[in-house]
Amino acid sequence: MEKELLRIEGVSKSFGENIVLKDINFTIKEGEIVGLVGENGAGKSTLMKIIFGMSVISETGGYNGDMFLEGKKVSFKSSFDALNAGIGMVHQEFSLIPGFKASENIVLNRESLEKSYLKEIFGDRISKISFEKDKERAKVAISHLGIDLDVETKVEEMPVAHMQFTEIAREIERENTKLLVLDEPTAVLTEKEAEILLKTMKRLSSEGIAIIFITHRLDEIMEVSDRVIVLRDGIMMSEVETSKTDVDEITKLMIGRDIGEKKKRELKDDIEGEIILDIKNLWVNMPGEKVKNLNLKVRKGEILGLGGMAGQGKVGVANGVMGLCEARGEIRYKGEVLNLKNPKSILEKGLYFVSEDRKEVGLILDENINLNIAYPSIYIKEEFLKSKVFGLLKSLNNEAIERNAKEYIEKLEIKCIGGHQKVGELSGGNQQKVCLAKAFTINPELLFISEPTRGIDIGAKKIVLETLKEYNKNSGMTIVLASSELEELRSVCDRVAIVTEGEIAGILAPDDDILKFGKLMTGVKGGVKNDKKN
């Protein structure tokens, strides 16, 4: 019988008047995989911050209740305390050093040192790092993941999926890891890559390492976890053995409402419409997502999906067209050539981009929700302004800004204290919704959007996708949607273009055989012929 590893008793946590956890109780045994699910804002991240000893907890008054590790009461003051106790965590947002190699990140602060007689005299301060030993250690850690990742590769040159595997390898490499917290580890991975990770989790579990697996992909929870813990609004709704529940029951516990059956996608009658965006010979120098000689025509009023494996270039398309990465080629929007070196001029023409990198590109974390949502419209369209001094001066129309934000907080169900709350205090999924609110507020003619549902729960995903379809239908907004989730693309898009090795491998109808998509994504020669009309 497995020994108890971690026990949580009566844990509660508040941020000011906002109660985010209420009387949480559960136990995790050695080698057990426990799935932790809940909508964004349910309290998952706060609970993990408590377990991992993150400083934000102690800085905001600590928490009530007790935590026991291997039978001993613990109260970590920092993440270093948790690491030393054998708890590792892979965060949803990466914490790697871009200029360092994979091997250097994996053994960071635990480097191997060369033997030296001087060390015996003067101590570790004059020790020399053994880079060869570090490389070997990193290779061993990566070998457990079953992927092809060169330890000499710098993080800044990696596709996002490889960054995720590097993070996991870093935690696996620690000798004393007893509990591993994985926060949305498959969110940036393709289905094949996710399968590799799930197998790795099972292997680690068989070696006695317990895992807390946070994900919104419930099929993955059902596949690898022994038990499922469901949080809703800070309350633990259920703790049940995976074999005794199903996806429908978990979903209802998570959201407190029945999502309903997925509606069949309505095909547009005018899919052969005019070309609004014509991309010719696009080359984009985006690290990990390079585009090479890509050609694509986007039709007015359609939702066009960009799919493909991680690192193949689907994310690079929007970053190149919108002028955020070095790019070459001829891009015509409504017949006019875009200046790829002038992002502001592209925005002024009616294009907009919701980036996959919400923290670095999408949001001003220290500013409130109201202003974050309004900023693009203020500076590009000069909206939300009112005249002063006979029209000679303009100031912010704070009432209009607040009304607009309130509308999207309700429409997108952004979980927050109010529009005055700083965006940096929101959960990742709710930050993503703020990014979408910015796009819907500026209401562009053509919207590029990358990974819109990355790291958000089932209920929020439905809201996001339905809202995209609503704006496409009611406003005639043309949408180019890049996503790692093929079924997501098939559910909302009129056409799906698969990007492989930086080029369009083919374009399919969303209801085409899934095998055709697979062949294009894996580069099978002669698998599918591209329709010349595309």
Protein backbone atom coordinates (compact mmCIF):
# COMPACT_ATOMS: atom_id res chain seq x y z
CA MET A 1 0.00 0.00 0.00
CA GLU A 2 1.33 3.41 -1.01
CA LYS A 3 2.49 5.74 1.72
CA GLU A 4 0.88 9.13 2.25
CA LEU A 5 3.04 11.87 0.71
CA LEU A 6 1.06 15.12 0.96
CA ARG A 7 -1.94 16.00 3.12
CA ILE A 8 -3.88 19.24 2.93
CA GLU A 9 -6.17 20.03 5.88
CA GLY A 10 -8.67 22.90 6.02
CA VAL A 11 -6.72 25.18 3.70
CA SER A 12 -8.36 28.54 2.95
CA LYS A 13 -7.00 31.68 1.33
CA SER A 14 -8.24 35.22 0.73
CA PHE A 15 -6.83 38.16 -1.21
CA GLY A 16 -8.34 41.10 0.64
CA GLU A 17 -12.10 40.53 0.65
CA ASN A 18 -11.88 38.06 -2.23
CA ILE A 19 -12.06 34.46 -0.88
CA VAL A 20 -10.35 32.17 -3.40
CA LEU A 21 -10.08 28.90 -1.41
CA LYS A 22 -12.47 27.56 1.23
CA ASP A 23 -11.63 24.61 3.52
CA ILE A 24 -9.72 22.39 1.07
CA ASN A 25 -8.93 18.84 2.26
CA PHE A 26 -7.22 16.01 0.34
CA THR A 27 -4.36 13.51 0.47
CA ILE A 28 -1.87 12.41 -2.20
CA LYS A 29 0.03 9.13 -1.98
CA GLU A 30 3.49 8.27 -3.30
CA GLY A 31 3.44 7.53 -7.02
CA GLU A 32 -0.14 8.73 -7.45
CA ILE A 33 -1.28 10.94 -10.31
CA VAL A 34 -4.03 13.31 -9.21
CA GLY A 35 -5.86 15.40 -11.76
CA LEU A 36 -6.82 18.90 -10.59
CA VAL A 37 -9.52 20.58 -12.65
CA GLY A 38 -11.73 23.63 -12.47
CA GLU A 39 -12.64 26.72 -14.44
CA ASN A 40 -10.25 29.65 -14.54
CA GLY A 41 -10.53 31.47 -11.25
CA ALA A 42 -11.64 28.30 -9.41
CA GLY A 43 -8.56 28.46 -7.15
CA LYS A 44 -6.24 25.91 -8.76
CA SER A 45 -3.31 28.28 -9.18
CA THR A 46 -3.63 29.66 -5.65
CA LEU A 47 -3.66 26.15 -4.20
CA MET A 48 -0.52 25.26 -6.15
CA LYS A 49 1.19 28.48 -5.02
CA ILE A 50 0.54 27.42 -1.42
CA ILE A 51 1.92 23.91 -2.01
CA PHE A 52 4.97 25.30 -3.84
CA GLY A 53 5.63 28.00 -1.23
CA MET A 54 5.45 30.93 -3.64
CA SER A 55 6.20 34.27 -1.97
CA VAL A 56 2.93 35.89 -3.10
CA ILE A 57 1.13 33.78 -0.48
CA SER A 58 3.17 34.97 2.51
CA GLU A 59 3.24 38.52 1.14
CA THR A 60 -0.58 38.60 1.15
CA GLY A 61 -1.10 37.34 4.69
CA GLY A 62 -0.43 33.63 4.31
CA TYR A 63 -3.17 31.03 4.45
CA ASN A 64 -5.32 29.20 7.00
CA GLY A 65 -5.10 25.45 7.49
CA ASP A 66 -2.23 22.96 7.52
CA MET A 67 -0.02 21.11 5.06
CA PHE A 68 1.85 17.90 5.86
CA LEU A 69 4.65 16.35 3.77
CA GLU A 70 5.50 12.74 4.64
CA GLY A 71 3.64 13.17 7.92
CA LYS A 72 5.51 16.31 8.99
CA LYS A 73 3.81 19.70 9.14
CA VAL A 74 5.39 22.15 6.70
CA SER A 75 4.93 25.83 5.92
CA PHE A 76 7.17 26.92 3.09
CA LYS A 77 8.31 30.54 3.10
CA SER A 78 9.68 30.35 -0.45
CA SER A 79 9.79 28.09 -3.48
CA PHE A 80 13.38 27.18 -2.55
CA ASP A 81 12.02 25.58 0.63
CA ALA A 82 9.58 23.53 -1.46
CA LEU A 83 12.30 22.48 -3.92
CA ASN A 84 14.58 21.42 -1.07
CA ALA A 85 11.71 19.37 0.39
CA GLY A 86 11.27 17.54 -2.93
CA ILE A 87 8.41 19.43 -4.59
CA GLY A 88 8.97 20.52 -8.19
CA MET A 89 6.67 22.61 -10.37
CA VAL A 90 6.39 23.31 -14.08
CA HIS A 91 4.45 26.54 -14.48
CA GLN A 92 2.04 27.42 -17.26
CA GLU A 93 4.21 30.42 -18.13
CA PHE A 94 7.80 29.44 -18.88
CA SER A 95 10.64 30.28 -16.48
CA LEU A 96 13.62 29.50 -18.68
CA ILE A 97 16.60 31.77 -19.49
CA PRO A 98 16.36 32.48 -23.25
CA GLY A 99 20.10 32.94 -23.87
CA PHE A 100 21.03 29.69 -22.11
CA LYS A 101 21.22 26.26 -23.72
CA ALA A 102 18.76 23.50 -22.81
CA SER A 103 21.47 21.75 -20.76
CA GLU A 104 22.29 24.94 -18.84
CA ASN A 105 18.62 25.51 -17.97
CA ILE A 106 18.08 21.90 -16.92
CA VAL A 107 20.93 21.90 -14.35
CA LEU A 108 20.69 25.58 -13.38
CA ASN A 109 21.98 26.18 -9.83
CA ARG A 110 22.91 22.47 -9.61
CA GLU A 111 25.83 22.43 -12.04
CA SER A 112 28.49 19.70 -11.97
CA LEU A 113 31.91 20.94 -10.85
CA GLU A 114 35.36 19.86 -12.00
CA LYS A 115 37.59 18.19 -9.43
CA SER A 116 40.43 20.45 -8.28
CA TYR A 117 42.90 20.41 -5.39
CA LEU A 118 42.33 24.18 -5.08
CA LYS A 119 38.68 23.48 -4.25
CA GLU A 120 39.80 21.61 -1.13
CA ILE A 121 41.66 24.72 0.00
CA PHE A 122 39.45 27.61 -1.12
CA GLY A 123 36.02 25.95 -1.39
CA ASP A 124 33.37 25.95 -4.17
CA ARG A 125 33.86 29.63 -5.02
CA ILE A 126 36.77 28.86 -7.36
CA SER A 127 35.31 25.62 -8.75
CA LYS A 128 34.97 25.28 -12.49
CA ILE A 129 31.72 24.06 -14.07
CA SER A 130 31.99 20.75 -15.94
CA PHE A 131 29.93 21.48 -19.04
CA GLU A 132 30.44 17.95 -20.37
CA LYS A 133 28.96 16.42 -17.21
CA ASP A 134 26.07 18.90 -17.36
CA LYS A 135 25.40 17.91 -20.98
CA GLU A 136 25.31 14.23 -20.05
CA ARG A 137 22.97 14.88 -17.13
CA ALA A 138 20.67 16.90 -19.38
CA LYS A 139 20.69 14.15 -22.02
CA VAL A 140 19.67 11.56 -19.44
CA ALA A 141 16.79 13.74 -18.24
CA ILE A 142 15.57 14.38 -21.80
CA SER A 143 15.88 10.70 -22.69
CA HIS A 144 13.13 9.98 -20.16
CA LEU A 145 10.79 12.20 -22.17
CA GLY A 146 11.15 10.22 -25.39
CA ILE A 147 11.70 13.25 -27.63
CA ASP A 148 14.44 14.47 -29.95
CA LEU A 149 15.79 17.62 -28.29
CA ASP A 150 19.39 18.78 -28.74
CA VAL A 151 20.76 19.88 -25.33
CA GLU A 152 23.02 22.38 -27.12
CA THR A 153 20.02 24.35 -28.45
CA LYS A 154 19.42 27.75 -26.87
CA VAL A 155 15.94 28.32 -25.45
CA GLU A 156 15.39 31.37 -27.65
CA GLU A 157 15.82 29.15 -30.73
CA MET A 158 13.35 26.47 -29.59
CA PRO A 159 9.75 25.91 -30.61
CA VAL A 160 7.35 26.36 -27.69
CA ALA A 161 6.87 22.60 -27.26
CA HIS A 162 10.59 22.06 -26.71
CA MET A 163 10.61 24.81 -24.09
CA GLN A 164 7.89 22.89 -22.25
CA PHE A 165 9.88 19.65 -22.36
CA THR A 166 12.99 21.49 -21.16
CA GLU A 167 11.05 22.76 -18.13
CA ILE A 168 9.87 19.24 -17.33
CA ALA A 169 13.35 17.79 -17.83
CA ARG A 170 14.70 20.33 -15.32
CA GLU A 171 12.33 19.05 -12.64
CA ILE A 172 12.93 15.38 -13.48
CA GLU A 173 16.69 15.94 -13.18
CA ARG A 174 16.42 16.94 -9.51
CA GLU A 175 17.50 13.93 -7.47
CA ASN A 176 15.07 14.37 -4.56
CA THR A 177 11.83 15.14 -6.43
CA LYS A 178 8.93 13.42 -4.64
CA LEU A 179 6.02 15.48 -5.94
CA LEU A 180 5.79 17.13 -9.36
CA VAL A 181 3.17 19.79 -10.08
CA LEU A 182 2.42 20.15 -13.80
CA ASP A 183 0.35 23.23 -14.64
CA GLU A 184 -1.18 22.86 -18.12
CA PRO A 185 1.87 20.98 -19.47
CA THR A 186 0.15 19.86 -22.68
CA ALA A 187 -1.46 23.22 -23.53
CA VAL A 188 1.28 24.09 -26.04
CA LEU A 189 1.83 20.56 -27.33
CA THR A 190 0.41 18.76 -30.32
CA GLU A 191 -1.57 15.57 -29.75
CA LYS A 192 1.45 13.40 -30.53
CA GLU A 193 3.71 15.40 -28.20
CA ALA A 194 1.06 15.27 -25.48
CA GLU A 195 0.93 11.47 -25.80
CA ILE A 196 4.68 11.34 -25.18
CA LEU A 197 4.31 13.49 -22.08
CA LEU A 198 1.45 11.38 -20.69
CA LYS A 199 3.59 8.25 -21.08
CA THR A 200 6.42 10.04 -19.26
CA MET A 201 4.06 10.88 -16.40
CA LYS A 202 3.07 7.23 -16.05
CA ARG A 203 6.74 6.20 -15.96
CA LEU A 204 7.54 8.77 -13.27
CA SER A 205 4.54 7.57 -11.29
CA SER A 206 5.79 3.97 -11.47
CA GLU A 207 9.09 5.19 -9.97
CA GLY A 208 7.25 6.59 -6.94
CA ILE A 209 6.99 10.26 -7.93
CA ALA A 210 3.54 11.70 -7.19
CA ILE A 211 2.10 14.14 -9.74
CA ILE A 212 -0.53 16.87 -9.51
CA PHE A 213 -1.72 17.25 -13.09
CA ILE A 214 -3.58 20.49 -13.87
CA THR A 215 -5.20 20.53 -17.29
CA HIS A 216 -8.38 21.49 -19.08
CA ARG A 217 -8.12 18.50 -21.40
CA LEU A 218 -10.35 16.10 -19.54
CA ASP A 219 -9.58 13.16 -21.83
CA GLU A 220 -5.96 13.39 -20.61
CA ILE A 221 -7.15 13.40 -17.00
CA MET A 222 -9.18 10.26 -17.69
CA GLU A 223 -6.20 8.59 -19.35
CA VAL A 224 -3.45 9.07 -16.75
CA SER A 225 -4.85 10.10 -13.37
CA ASP A 226 -5.76 7.83 -10.47
CA ARG A 227 -8.08 10.39 -8.89
CA VAL A 228 -9.68 13.69 -9.88
CA ILE A 229 -10.13 16.72 -7.63
CA VAL A 230 -12.66 19.28 -8.88
CA LEU A 231 -12.60 22.91 -7.70
CA ARG A 232 -15.33 25.46 -8.35
CA ASP A 233 -15.28 29.01 -6.97
CA GLY A 234 -12.67 28.03 -4.38
CA ILE A 235 -14.68 25.05 -3.09
CA MET A 236 -13.65 21.42 -3.50
CA MET A 237 -16.69 19.99 -5.28
CA SER A 238 -15.49 16.41 -5.58
CA GLU A 239 -12.62 13.99 -5.04
CA VAL A 240 -13.28 10.80 -6.96
CA GLU A 241 -11.40 7.86 -8.46
CA THR A 242 -11.04 8.37 -12.20
CA SER A 243 -12.39 4.90 -12.93
CA LYS A 244 -15.65 5.81 -11.16
CA THR A 245 -16.46 8.99 -13.09
CA ASP A 246 -16.59 10.30 -16.65
CA VAL A 247 -16.00 13.51 -18.60
CA ASP A 248 -19.64 14.60 -18.46
CA GLU A 249 -19.80 14.34 -14.66
CA ILE A 250 -16.50 16.20 -14.20
CA THR A 251 -17.64 18.94 -16.59
CA LYS A 252 -20.89 19.51 -14.70
CA LEU A 253 -19.04 19.64 -11.37
CA MET A 254 -16.55 22.16 -12.81
CA ILE A 255 -18.96 24.63 -14.31
CA GLY A 256 -22.22 23.96 -12.46
CA ARG A 257 -24.12 23.92 -15.71
CA ASP A 258 -24.52 21.62 -18.68
CA ILE A 259 -22.52 22.83 -21.65
CA GLY A 260 -24.83 21.02 -24.03
CA GLU A 261 -23.96 19.12 -27.15
CA LYS A 262 -21.59 20.68 -29.63
CA LYS A 263 -23.58 22.30 -32.40
CA LYS A 264 -22.82 21.21 -35.89
CA ARG A 265 -20.81 23.86 -37.70
CA GLU A 266 -22.81 25.76 -40.29
CA LEU A 267 -21.00 25.93 -43.62
CA LYS A 268 -21.16 29.28 -45.37
CA ASP A 269 -22.82 29.46 -48.78
CA ASP A 270 -20.53 32.25 -50.02
CA ILE A 271 -17.21 30.54 -49.21
CA GLU A 272 -15.92 31.44 -52.69
CA GLY A 273 -15.94 35.14 -51.75
CA GLU A 274 -13.44 37.86 -52.66
CA ILE A 275 -9.81 37.68 -51.50
CA ILE A 276 -9.23 40.15 -48.66
CA LEU A 277 -5.63 39.08 -47.88
CA ASP A 278 -3.19 37.66 -50.41
CA ILE A 279 0.08 36.33 -48.98
CA LYS A 280 2.87 35.59 -51.47
CA ASN A 281 6.30 34.13 -50.72
CA LEU A 282 6.14 35.02 -47.01
CA TRP A 283 9.33 34.42 -45.05
CA VAL A 284 9.32 35.10 -41.29
CA ASN A 285 12.32 34.89 -38.98
CA MET A 286 10.49 33.92 -35.80
CA PRO A 287 12.59 31.72 -33.47
CA GLY A 288 11.05 28.27 -33.31
CA GLU A 289 8.25 29.16 -35.76
CA LYS A 290 10.02 30.15 -38.99
CA VAL A 291 7.99 30.59 -42.14
CA LYS A 292 9.52 29.83 -45.53
CA ASN A 293 8.01 30.82 -48.87
CA LEU A 294 4.41 30.57 -47.66
CA ASN A 295 1.52 31.37 -50.00
CA LEU A 296 -2.05 31.78 -48.83
CA LYS A 297 -5.26 33.56 -49.86
CA VAL A 298 -7.77 34.58 -47.19
CA ARG A 299 -11.36 35.13 -48.26
CA LYS A 300 -13.45 37.97 -46.93
CA GLY A 301 -15.82 36.93 -44.14
CA GLU A 302 -14.38 33.47 -43.52
CA ILE A 303 -12.79 31.87 -40.49
CA LEU A 304 -9.58 30.32 -41.78
CA GLY A 305 -7.72 27.94 -39.51
CA LEU A 306 -3.95 27.51 -39.38
CA GLY A 307 -3.00 24.12 -37.97
CA GLY A 308 0.13 22.01 -37.77
CA MET A 309 2.70 20.58 -35.41
CA ALA A 310 4.55 22.81 -32.94
CA GLY A 311 7.47 24.68 -34.47
CA GLN A 312 6.28 24.29 -38.06
CA GLY A 313 5.43 27.96 -38.61
CA LYS A 314 1.68 28.36 -38.06
CA VAL A 315 2.24 30.91 -35.28
CA GLY A 316 4.87 32.75 -37.34
CA VAL A 317 2.41 33.76 -40.07
CA ALA A 318 0.54 36.38 -38.03
CA ASN A 319 3.72 37.65 -36.35
CA GLY A 320 5.21 38.24 -39.79
CA VAL A 321 2.17 39.80 -41.47
CA MET A 322 1.61 42.14 -38.50
CA GLY A 323 5.25 43.28 -38.52
CA LEU A 324 6.22 41.87 -35.11
CA CYS A 325 9.01 39.67 -36.52
CA GLU A 326 11.48 40.20 -39.34
CA ALA A 327 9.59 39.26 -42.50
CA ARG A 328 9.80 39.40 -46.29
CA GLY A 329 7.34 38.76 -49.07
CA GLU A 330 4.39 40.50 -50.73
CA ILE A 331 1.29 40.84 -48.55
CA ARG A 332 -1.72 42.53 -50.17
CA TYR A 333 -4.64 43.57 -48.01
CA LYS A 334 -7.68 44.62 -50.08
CA GLY A 335 -5.29 44.99 -53.01
CA GLU A 336 -2.82 47.27 -51.20
CA VAL A 337 0.71 46.10 -50.31
CA LEU A 338 1.38 46.17 -46.55
CA ASN A 339 4.57 47.65 -45.13
CA LEU A 340 5.83 44.81 -42.92
CA LYS A 341 8.30 47.15 -41.21
CA ASN A 342 5.56 49.46 -39.93
CA PRO A 343 3.17 47.63 -37.53
CA LYS A 344 1.20 50.79 -36.71
CA SER A 345 0.30 51.37 -40.37
CA ILE A 346 -0.97 47.77 -40.58
CA LEU A 347 -3.18 48.27 -37.53
CA GLU A 348 -4.55 51.52 -38.97
CA LYS A 349 -5.67 49.66 -42.11
CA GLY A 350 -8.05 47.49 -40.11
CA LEU A 351 -6.00 44.43 -39.15
CA TYR A 352 -5.47 43.32 -35.55
CA PHE A 353 -3.61 40.51 -33.80
CA VAL A 354 -4.27 38.64 -30.55
CA SER A 355 -0.86 37.13 -29.81
CA GLU A 356 -0.15 33.71 -28.31
CA ASP A 357 2.17 35.54 -25.89
CA ARG A 358 -0.35 37.41 -23.77
CA LYS A 359 2.12 38.57 -21.09
CA GLU A 360 4.85 39.98 -23.36
CA VAL A 361 2.74 41.25 -26.27
CA GLY A 362 -0.91 41.28 -25.28
CA LEU A 363 -1.27 43.02 -21.95
CA ILE A 364 -0.02 45.77 -19.63
CA LEU A 365 0.01 43.72 -16.44
CA ASP A 366 0.34 46.66 -14.03
CA GLU A 367 -2.65 48.47 -15.56
CA ASN A 368 -6.33 47.78 -14.83
CA ILE A 369 -8.76 45.76 -16.95
CA ASN A 370 -10.72 48.82 -18.11
CA LEU A 371 -7.74 50.53 -19.73
CA ASN A 372 -6.19 47.31 -21.09
CA ILE A 373 -9.35 46.63 -23.06
CA ALA A 374 -9.59 50.20 -24.38
CA TYR A 375 -5.92 50.96 -25.18
CA PRO A 376 -5.82 49.76 -28.83
CA SER A 377 -9.02 51.63 -29.69
CA ILE A 378 -7.72 54.79 -27.99
CA TYR A 379 -4.39 54.89 -29.81
CA ILE A 380 -5.35 53.43 -33.19
CA LYS A 381 -8.90 54.72 -33.68
CA GLU A 382 -8.86 57.62 -31.20
CA GLU A 383 -12.00 56.27 -29.54
CA PHE A 384 -12.94 56.68 -25.84
CA LEU A 385 -11.81 60.31 -25.95
CA LYS A 386 -13.73 63.51 -25.20
CA SER A 387 -12.99 67.05 -26.29
CA LYS A 388 -11.95 69.82 -23.91
CA VAL A 389 -11.26 73.53 -24.33
CA PHE A 390 -13.39 74.06 -27.48
CA GLY A 391 -12.13 70.85 -29.03
CA LEU A 392 -8.45 71.80 -28.83
CA LEU A 393 -7.62 69.14 -26.23
CA LYS A 394 -8.79 65.61 -25.63
CA SER A 395 -8.96 63.51 -22.48
CA LEU A 396 -9.99 59.95 -21.68
CA ASN A 397 -13.69 59.29 -21.45
CA ASN A 398 -13.43 57.12 -18.33
CA GLU A 399 -17.19 56.52 -18.15
CA ALA A 400 -17.25 55.07 -21.69
CA ILE A 401 -14.11 53.03 -21.00
CA GLU A 402 -15.71 51.57 -17.88
CA ARG A 403 -19.01 50.80 -19.65
CA ASN A 404 -17.21 49.03 -22.47
CA ALA A 405 -15.11 46.92 -20.09
CA LYS A 406 -18.17 46.01 -18.03
CA GLU A 407 -19.90 44.74 -21.19
CA TYR A 408 -17.01 42.37 -22.01
CA ILE A 409 -16.46 41.30 -18.40
CA GLU A 410 -20.07 40.07 -18.49
CA LYS A 411 -20.03 38.75 -22.06
CA LEU A 412 -16.80 36.78 -21.72
CA GLU A 413 -17.40 35.95 -18.03
CA ILE A 414 -14.05 37.43 -16.95
CA LYS A 415 -13.63 36.47 -13.30
CA CYS A 416 -12.40 39.55 -11.47
CA ILE A 417 -13.23 41.93 -8.62
CA GLY A 418 -14.13 44.59 -11.18
CA GLY A 419 -12.76 46.59 -14.10
CA HIS A 420 -10.43 48.47 -11.76
CA GLN A 421 -8.49 45.29 -10.90
CA LYS A 422 -4.96 44.98 -12.34
CA VAL A 423 -4.68 42.48 -15.19
CA GLY A 424 -1.56 40.96 -13.63
CA GLU A 425 -3.71 39.71 -10.73
CA LEU A 426 -5.97 37.63 -12.99
CA SER A 427 -5.55 33.95 -13.79
CA GLY A 428 -4.00 33.09 -17.17
CA GLY A 429 -7.33 32.19 -18.76
CA ASN A 430 -8.96 35.43 -17.66
CA GLN A 431 -5.99 37.39 -19.00
CA GLN A 432 -6.62 35.65 -22.32
CA LYS A 433 -10.22 36.85 -22.24
CA VAL A 434 -9.03 40.44 -21.69
CA CYS A 435 -6.89 40.10 -24.83
CA LEU A 436 -9.99 39.01 -26.76
CA ALA A 437 -12.02 41.88 -25.32
CA LYS A 438 -9.42 44.30 -26.71
CA ALA A 439 -9.83 42.77 -30.16
CA PHE A 440 -13.63 42.81 -30.09
CA THR A 441 -13.62 46.43 -28.86
CA ILE A 442 -11.47 47.65 -31.75
CA ASN A 443 -13.60 45.48 -34.09
CA PRO A 444 -11.08 45.02 -36.97
CA GLU A 445 -12.01 43.90 -40.47
CA LEU A 446 -9.42 41.13 -40.25
CA LEU A 447 -8.40 39.49 -36.98
CA PHE A 448 -5.36 37.25 -36.55
CA ILE A 449 -5.59 35.21 -33.38
CA SER A 450 -3.11 32.61 -32.10
CA GLU A 451 -3.91 29.91 -29.53
CA PRO A 452 -7.06 31.69 -28.23
CA THR A 453 -8.00 28.87 -25.83
CA ARG A 454 -4.53 27.94 -24.60
CA GLY A 455 -4.74 27.11 -20.90
CA ILE A 456 -8.42 27.91 -20.42
CA ASP A 457 -11.18 25.64 -19.17
CA ILE A 458 -14.00 23.97 -21.08
CA GLY A 459 -16.65 26.55 -20.21
CA ALA A 460 -14.39 29.49 -21.08
CA LYS A 461 -13.30 27.78 -24.29
CA LYS A 462 -16.92 27.51 -25.39
CA ILE A 463 -17.50 31.21 -24.65
CA VAL A 464 -14.38 32.27 -26.60
CA LEU A 465 -15.14 30.15 -29.67
CA GLU A 466 -18.82 31.10 -29.73
CA THR A 467 -17.90 34.80 -29.46
CA LEU A 468 -15.46 34.47 -32.38
CA LYS A 469 -18.21 32.88 -34.47
CA GLU A 470 -20.66 35.59 -33.40
CA TYR A 471 -18.38 38.45 -34.51
CA ASN A 472 -17.59 36.63 -37.74
CA LYS A 473 -21.29 36.19 -38.51
CA ASN A 474 -22.75 39.48 -37.25
CA SER A 475 -19.89 41.90 -38.00
CA GLY A 476 -18.50 40.16 -41.07
CA MET A 477 -15.11 40.00 -39.33
CA THR A 478 -12.59 37.88 -41.22
CA ILE A 479 -10.66 35.68 -38.79
CA VAL A 480 -7.39 33.78 -39.23
CA LEU A 481 -7.16 31.38 -36.29
CA ALA A 482 -3.92 29.53 -35.43
CA SER A 483 -4.36 26.70 -32.96
CA SER A 484 -2.58 23.56 -31.78
CA GLU A 485 -5.94 21.88 -31.22
CA LEU A 486 -7.15 20.38 -34.49
CA GLU A 487 -10.66 19.64 -33.23
CA GLU A 488 -11.00 23.28 -32.20
CA LEU A 489 -10.18 24.36 -35.76
CA ARG A 490 -12.56 21.79 -37.24
CA SER A 491 -15.40 23.03 -35.01
CA VAL A 492 -15.29 26.73 -35.97
CA CYS A 493 -13.41 27.19 -39.26
CA ASP A 494 -14.66 27.28 -42.85
CA ARG A 495 -11.29 25.99 -44.10
CA VAL A 496 -8.19 24.69 -42.35
CA ALA A 497 -4.70 25.27 -43.78
CA ILE A 498 -1.98 22.98 -42.43
CA VAL A 499 1.47 24.53 -42.08
CA THR A 500 4.39 22.11 -42.33
CA GLU A 501 8.07 23.13 -42.46
CA GLY A 502 7.08 26.77 -42.89
CA GLU A 503 4.83 26.24 -45.90
CA ILE A 504 1.17 25.46 -46.57
CA ALA A 505 1.07 21.69 -46.94
CA GLY A 506 -2.58 21.73 -47.95
CA ILE A 507 -5.99 23.22 -47.24
CA LEU A 508 -8.93 21.07 -46.18
CA ALA A 509 -12.59 21.41 -45.35
CA PRO A 510 -13.18 21.01 -41.60
CA ASP A 511 -15.27 17.87 -42.12
CA ASP A 512 -12.65 16.10 -44.25
CA ASP A 513 -11.34 12.77 -43.01
CA ILE A 514 -9.09 13.21 -39.96
CA LEU A 515 -6.51 10.98 -41.69
CA LYS A 516 -6.02 13.67 -44.35
CA PHE A 517 -5.17 16.21 -41.65
CA GLY A 518 -2.76 13.75 -40.06
CA LYS A 519 -0.92 13.13 -43.32
CA LEU A 520 -0.48 16.84 -43.98
CA MET A 521 0.70 17.51 -40.43
CA THR A 522 3.24 14.71 -40.51
CA GLY A 523 4.50 15.61 -43.96
CA VAL A 524 3.36 12.43 -45.70
CA LYS A 525 4.26 12.81 -49.37
CA GLY A 526 1.32 12.59 -51.71
CA GLY A 527 -1.09 12.29 -48.80
CA VAL A 528 -3.38 15.11 -49.93
CA LYS A 529 -3.38 17.29 -52.98
CA ASN A 530 -3.92 20.96 -52.38
CA ASP A 531 -7.00 22.38 -54.08
CA LYS A 532 -5.75 24.88 -56.67
CA LYS A 533 -8.66 27.16 -55.86
CA ASN A 534 -7.30 27.64 -52.33
